[in-house]
Amino acid sequence: MRGFLIIITSVLALSDCMAQGGFRDSQLRYPRVRQAYEEKWDLVKGLMDRAQTDRETLEIYLVAYKQEEIVEVWARKHGEQQFRLLKSYDICALSGGPGPKRRQGDGQIPEGFYHISIFNPSSQFHLSLGINYPNASDRVLSDKDHPGGDIFIHGSCVTIGCIPITDPKIKELYLLCVEARNNGQMKIPVTIYPARLGDLNHGTLTRAYPGDPDRLNLWGDLKIAFDLFRKTRDLPAVTFLPDGRHRIR
């Protein structure tokens, strides 16, 4: 039932957007979004100012590190190449351990390359942002019948596979995503890592799971993306391959 209500909410949001000519306008029909703008807009605008962007040019990228329990928000002005770190939010609860989500009920937070696919302004957890798990890689490598789903970045501080950051913080992040979406960023990318994949952490993880090609292959792909972004501050181009691996440039 919860999944059904989420689908209805997202469809209604899209219909509102088409009817009113703006995604922000469609979201402002919901009381929690209006409250978030009343409480957090000055702060969010200040963040954009420091990143040398504004609500007309904002483009964002979300990065989550499970080991460090952090969600980073990176921002740039549309048309620029390099992102700047806008803000970091603590993840207040975790479930599972290092490694991807592979089946319903495993309690794992996914790892890999995703994007925001749902804005839920009436969430059970205040406000929530759904990611497109299972993605093309997960559909190859996860349980074919029961891969799981309904993975969100949300408020509150409870989780079974989601990323909670508390109600006050989700208000800020939700507004940043609404502004980016309203400005035409149709897919807000989200990369979820087991940890910051510098050489030390990557080596520690791979030594801990020497006989697990699923984890090792994914972490190898994620490390390429991690190193590229650290070098260029630009999004790597990710292609999903038929075997579930990734081509990253």
Protein backbone atom coordinates (compact mmCIF):
# COMPACT_ATOMS: atom_id res chain seq x y z
CA MET A 1 0.00 0.00 0.00
CA ARG A 2 2.81 2.42 0.85
CA GLY A 3 4.41 1.87 -2.57
CA PHE A 4 1.03 2.45 -4.23
CA LEU A 5 0.56 5.75 -2.38
CA ILE A 6 4.07 6.86 -3.34
CA ILE A 7 3.34 6.18 -7.01
CA ILE A 8 0.09 8.15 -6.79
CA THR A 9 1.90 11.04 -5.10
CA SER A 10 4.58 11.17 -7.79
CA VAL A 11 1.98 11.04 -10.57
CA LEU A 12 0.00 13.84 -8.95
CA ALA A 13 3.16 15.89 -8.57
CA LEU A 14 3.94 15.46 -12.27
CA SER A 15 0.37 16.38 -13.25
CA ASP A 16 0.52 19.47 -11.05
CA CYS A 17 3.82 20.45 -12.60
CA MET A 18 2.38 20.24 -16.11
CA ALA A 19 -0.77 22.10 -15.11
CA GLN A 20 0.92 24.94 -13.26
CA GLY A 21 4.08 25.23 -15.32
CA GLY A 22 6.55 24.70 -12.48
CA PHE A 23 7.70 21.85 -10.29
CA ARG A 24 8.19 24.19 -7.34
CA ASP A 25 4.58 25.38 -7.66
CA SER A 26 3.33 21.81 -7.67
CA GLN A 27 5.30 20.99 -4.53
CA LEU A 28 4.11 24.12 -2.74
CA ARG A 29 0.60 22.68 -2.72
CA TYR A 30 1.74 20.42 0.12
CA PRO A 31 1.80 21.81 3.70
CA ARG A 32 5.14 20.27 4.66
CA VAL A 33 6.86 21.80 1.65
CA ARG A 34 5.38 25.22 2.41
CA GLN A 35 6.55 24.88 6.00
CA ALA A 36 10.03 23.92 4.82
CA TYR A 37 10.23 27.02 2.64
CA GLU A 38 9.06 29.21 5.51
CA GLU A 39 11.65 27.76 7.90
CA LYS A 40 14.62 27.01 5.65
CA TRP A 41 14.56 29.23 2.56
CA ASP A 42 16.93 31.89 3.91
CA LEU A 43 19.43 29.19 4.86
CA VAL A 44 19.11 27.42 1.50
CA LYS A 45 19.50 30.69 -0.40
CA GLY A 46 22.64 31.42 1.62
CA LEU A 47 24.06 28.04 0.66
CA MET A 48 23.43 28.75 -3.01
CA ASP A 49 25.03 32.18 -2.72
CA ARG A 50 28.19 30.66 -1.25
CA ALA A 51 28.30 28.17 -4.12
CA GLN A 52 28.03 31.09 -6.58
CA THR A 53 24.73 29.85 -7.96
CA ASP A 54 21.05 30.66 -7.47
CA ARG A 55 17.60 29.14 -7.95
CA GLU A 56 17.71 29.90 -11.70
CA THR A 57 21.04 28.13 -12.34
CA LEU A 58 21.37 25.50 -9.58
CA GLU A 59 22.53 21.99 -10.45
CA ILE A 60 23.28 19.48 -7.68
CA TYR A 61 24.87 16.09 -7.11
CA LEU A 62 24.40 13.92 -4.00
CA VAL A 63 27.06 11.59 -2.63
CA ALA A 64 26.50 9.23 0.32
CA TYR A 65 29.26 7.46 2.25
CA LYS A 66 27.98 4.63 4.43
CA GLN A 67 31.09 4.16 6.61
CA GLU A 68 31.44 7.89 7.29
CA GLU A 69 27.65 8.26 7.72
CA ILE A 70 27.49 11.39 5.56
CA VAL A 71 25.46 12.69 2.64
CA GLU A 72 27.29 15.41 0.72
CA VAL A 73 25.54 17.94 -1.49
CA TRP A 74 27.65 19.29 -4.34
CA ALA A 75 26.48 22.22 -6.48
CA ARG A 76 27.42 24.09 -9.60
CA LYS A 77 25.95 26.67 -11.88
CA HIS A 78 24.32 25.14 -14.94
CA GLY A 79 26.88 25.10 -17.73
CA GLU A 80 29.90 25.02 -15.41
CA GLN A 81 32.14 21.96 -15.26
CA GLN A 82 33.19 21.77 -11.63
CA PHE A 83 31.02 21.13 -8.60
CA ARG A 84 31.64 22.79 -5.24
CA LEU A 85 30.81 21.15 -1.90
CA LEU A 86 27.67 22.85 -0.67
CA LYS A 87 26.92 21.05 2.60
CA SER A 88 27.26 17.71 4.39
CA TYR A 89 24.45 16.05 6.34
CA ASP A 90 25.00 13.34 8.94
CA ILE A 91 23.18 10.07 8.37
CA CYS A 92 21.54 9.45 11.75
CA ALA A 93 20.88 5.68 11.44
CA LEU A 94 22.23 2.84 9.33
CA SER A 95 21.29 -0.75 8.60
CA GLY A 96 23.20 -3.54 6.93
CA GLY A 97 26.91 -3.37 6.19
CA PRO A 98 29.39 -2.82 3.36
CA GLY A 99 28.11 -4.03 0.01
CA PRO A 100 25.15 -3.57 -2.31
CA LYS A 101 21.51 -4.37 -1.77
CA ARG A 102 20.64 -7.63 -3.51
CA ARG A 103 17.23 -8.75 -2.26
CA GLN A 104 14.12 -7.61 -0.46
CA GLY A 105 14.49 -7.72 3.31
CA ASP A 106 18.30 -7.88 3.44
CA GLY A 107 18.43 -4.55 5.29
CA GLN A 108 21.18 -3.27 3.01
CA ILE A 109 21.52 0.33 1.85
CA PRO A 110 22.20 0.13 -1.90
CA GLU A 111 25.58 1.05 -3.38
CA GLY A 112 26.11 2.33 -6.90
CA PHE A 113 24.99 4.98 -9.35
CA TYR A 114 21.44 6.29 -8.98
CA HIS A 115 19.27 9.37 -9.35
CA ILE A 116 16.34 10.93 -7.52
CA SER A 117 13.20 9.40 -9.00
CA ILE A 118 10.47 10.38 -6.50
CA PHE A 119 9.64 13.48 -4.50
CA ASN A 120 7.29 12.52 -1.67
CA PRO A 121 5.98 15.62 0.16
CA SER A 122 3.64 13.55 2.37
CA SER A 123 6.06 10.88 3.51
CA GLN A 124 5.67 8.73 6.59
CA PHE A 125 9.12 10.14 7.40
CA HIS A 126 8.21 13.83 6.95
CA LEU A 127 9.70 14.48 3.47
CA SER A 128 11.50 11.94 1.33
CA LEU A 129 13.48 11.63 -1.88
CA GLY A 130 13.31 8.25 -3.61
CA ILE A 131 16.24 6.81 -5.53
CA ASN A 132 15.81 4.58 -8.57
CA TYR A 133 16.80 1.30 -6.91
CA PRO A 134 16.93 -1.21 -8.52
CA ASN A 135 18.95 0.43 -11.28
CA ALA A 136 20.09 -1.32 -14.48
CA SER A 137 23.00 -3.02 -12.68
CA ASP A 138 20.85 -4.14 -9.75
CA ARG A 139 18.30 -5.68 -12.09
CA VAL A 140 21.04 -7.95 -13.45
CA LEU A 141 22.77 -8.82 -10.17
CA SER A 142 20.00 -8.75 -7.57
CA ASP A 143 17.28 -11.28 -6.85
CA LYS A 144 15.20 -11.38 -10.03
CA ASP A 145 11.86 -11.82 -8.28
CA HIS A 146 12.34 -9.87 -5.05
CA PRO A 147 15.10 -7.25 -5.39
CA GLY A 148 13.39 -4.90 -2.94
CA GLY A 149 12.64 -1.23 -3.45
CA ASP A 150 11.27 1.92 -1.80
CA ILE A 151 14.74 3.27 -0.97
CA PHE A 152 14.61 6.89 0.18
CA ILE A 153 16.66 9.68 1.67
CA HIS A 154 14.21 10.90 4.29
CA GLY A 155 13.53 12.57 7.62
CA SER A 156 13.12 10.90 11.00
CA CYS A 157 15.91 8.66 12.32
CA VAL A 158 14.91 5.06 11.59
CA THR A 159 15.86 2.86 8.69
CA ILE A 160 15.81 -0.57 7.10
CA GLY A 161 17.85 0.15 3.99
CA CYS A 162 17.08 3.86 3.62
CA ILE A 163 19.13 6.97 4.46
CA PRO A 164 17.56 9.06 7.26
CA ILE A 165 18.98 12.51 8.04
CA THR A 166 16.32 13.87 10.49
CA ASP A 167 13.37 16.16 9.77
CA PRO A 168 15.20 19.52 9.99
CA LYS A 169 17.91 18.39 7.56
CA ILE A 170 15.58 16.76 5.05
CA LYS A 171 13.76 20.09 4.80
CA GLU A 172 16.93 21.73 3.52
CA LEU A 173 17.89 18.90 1.19
CA TYR A 174 14.37 18.56 -0.15
CA LEU A 175 14.25 22.27 -1.01
CA LEU A 176 17.60 22.09 -2.79
CA CYS A 177 16.33 19.18 -4.87
CA VAL A 178 13.03 20.95 -5.61
CA GLU A 179 14.92 24.05 -6.78
CA ALA A 180 17.25 22.01 -8.99
CA ARG A 181 14.32 20.04 -10.45
CA ASN A 182 12.34 23.23 -11.01
CA ASN A 183 15.35 24.64 -12.85
CA GLY A 184 15.28 21.73 -15.30
CA GLN A 185 17.58 19.14 -13.71
CA MET A 186 15.40 16.16 -14.51
CA LYS A 187 17.74 13.57 -12.98
CA ILE A 188 19.60 14.55 -9.82
CA PRO A 189 22.46 12.02 -9.59
CA VAL A 190 23.10 10.12 -6.36
CA THR A 191 26.20 7.97 -5.86
CA ILE A 192 26.24 5.72 -2.80
CA TYR A 193 29.64 4.43 -1.67
CA PRO A 194 30.52 1.90 1.06
CA ALA A 195 33.12 4.45 2.24
CA ARG A 196 35.34 7.18 0.85
CA LEU A 197 37.22 5.01 -1.61
CA GLY A 198 40.73 6.35 -1.31
CA ASP A 199 43.44 3.72 -1.63
CA LEU A 200 43.49 2.93 2.11
CA ASN A 201 39.75 2.37 2.51
CA HIS A 202 39.49 0.52 -0.79
CA GLY A 203 42.32 -1.79 0.23
CA THR A 204 40.78 -2.45 3.65
CA LEU A 205 37.41 -3.33 2.12
CA THR A 206 38.80 -5.60 -0.58
CA ARG A 207 40.95 -7.49 1.92
CA ALA A 208 37.88 -8.03 4.11
CA TYR A 209 35.93 -9.69 1.26
CA PRO A 210 38.56 -11.55 -0.83
CA GLY A 211 36.16 -14.19 -2.17
CA ASP A 212 33.22 -11.93 -3.01
CA PRO A 213 33.38 -10.87 -6.67
CA ASP A 214 30.03 -9.06 -6.43
CA ARG A 215 31.37 -6.60 -3.86
CA LEU A 216 34.86 -6.42 -5.35
CA ASN A 217 33.64 -5.68 -8.88
CA LEU A 218 31.23 -2.99 -7.71
CA TRP A 219 33.82 -1.38 -5.45
CA GLY A 220 36.33 -1.40 -8.29
CA ASP A 221 33.87 0.48 -10.50
CA LEU A 222 32.98 2.88 -7.69
CA LYS A 223 36.65 3.59 -7.00
CA ILE A 224 37.18 4.67 -10.61
CA ALA A 225 34.28 7.11 -10.24
CA PHE A 226 35.53 8.28 -6.84
CA ASP A 227 39.02 9.00 -8.17
CA LEU A 228 37.71 10.77 -11.28
CA PHE A 229 35.41 13.04 -9.32
CA ARG A 230 38.12 13.84 -6.78
CA LYS A 231 40.41 14.83 -9.67
CA THR A 232 38.00 16.76 -11.90
CA ARG A 233 35.03 17.73 -9.66
CA ASP A 234 32.91 16.78 -12.67
CA LEU A 235 30.45 13.91 -12.97
CA PRO A 236 31.96 10.82 -14.57
CA ALA A 237 30.01 9.34 -17.47
CA VAL A 238 28.59 5.98 -16.34
CA THR A 239 27.39 3.32 -18.78
CA PHE A 240 25.58 0.24 -17.44
CA LEU A 241 26.89 -2.93 -19.08
CA PRO A 242 24.90 -6.14 -19.78
CA ASP A 243 26.74 -8.09 -17.05
CA GLY A 244 25.91 -5.54 -14.36
CA ARG A 245 29.31 -3.85 -14.43
CA HIS A 246 29.89 -0.22 -15.43
CA ARG A 247 31.99 1.62 -17.99
CA ILE A 248 33.15 4.86 -16.37
CA ARG A 249 34.88 7.71 -18.17
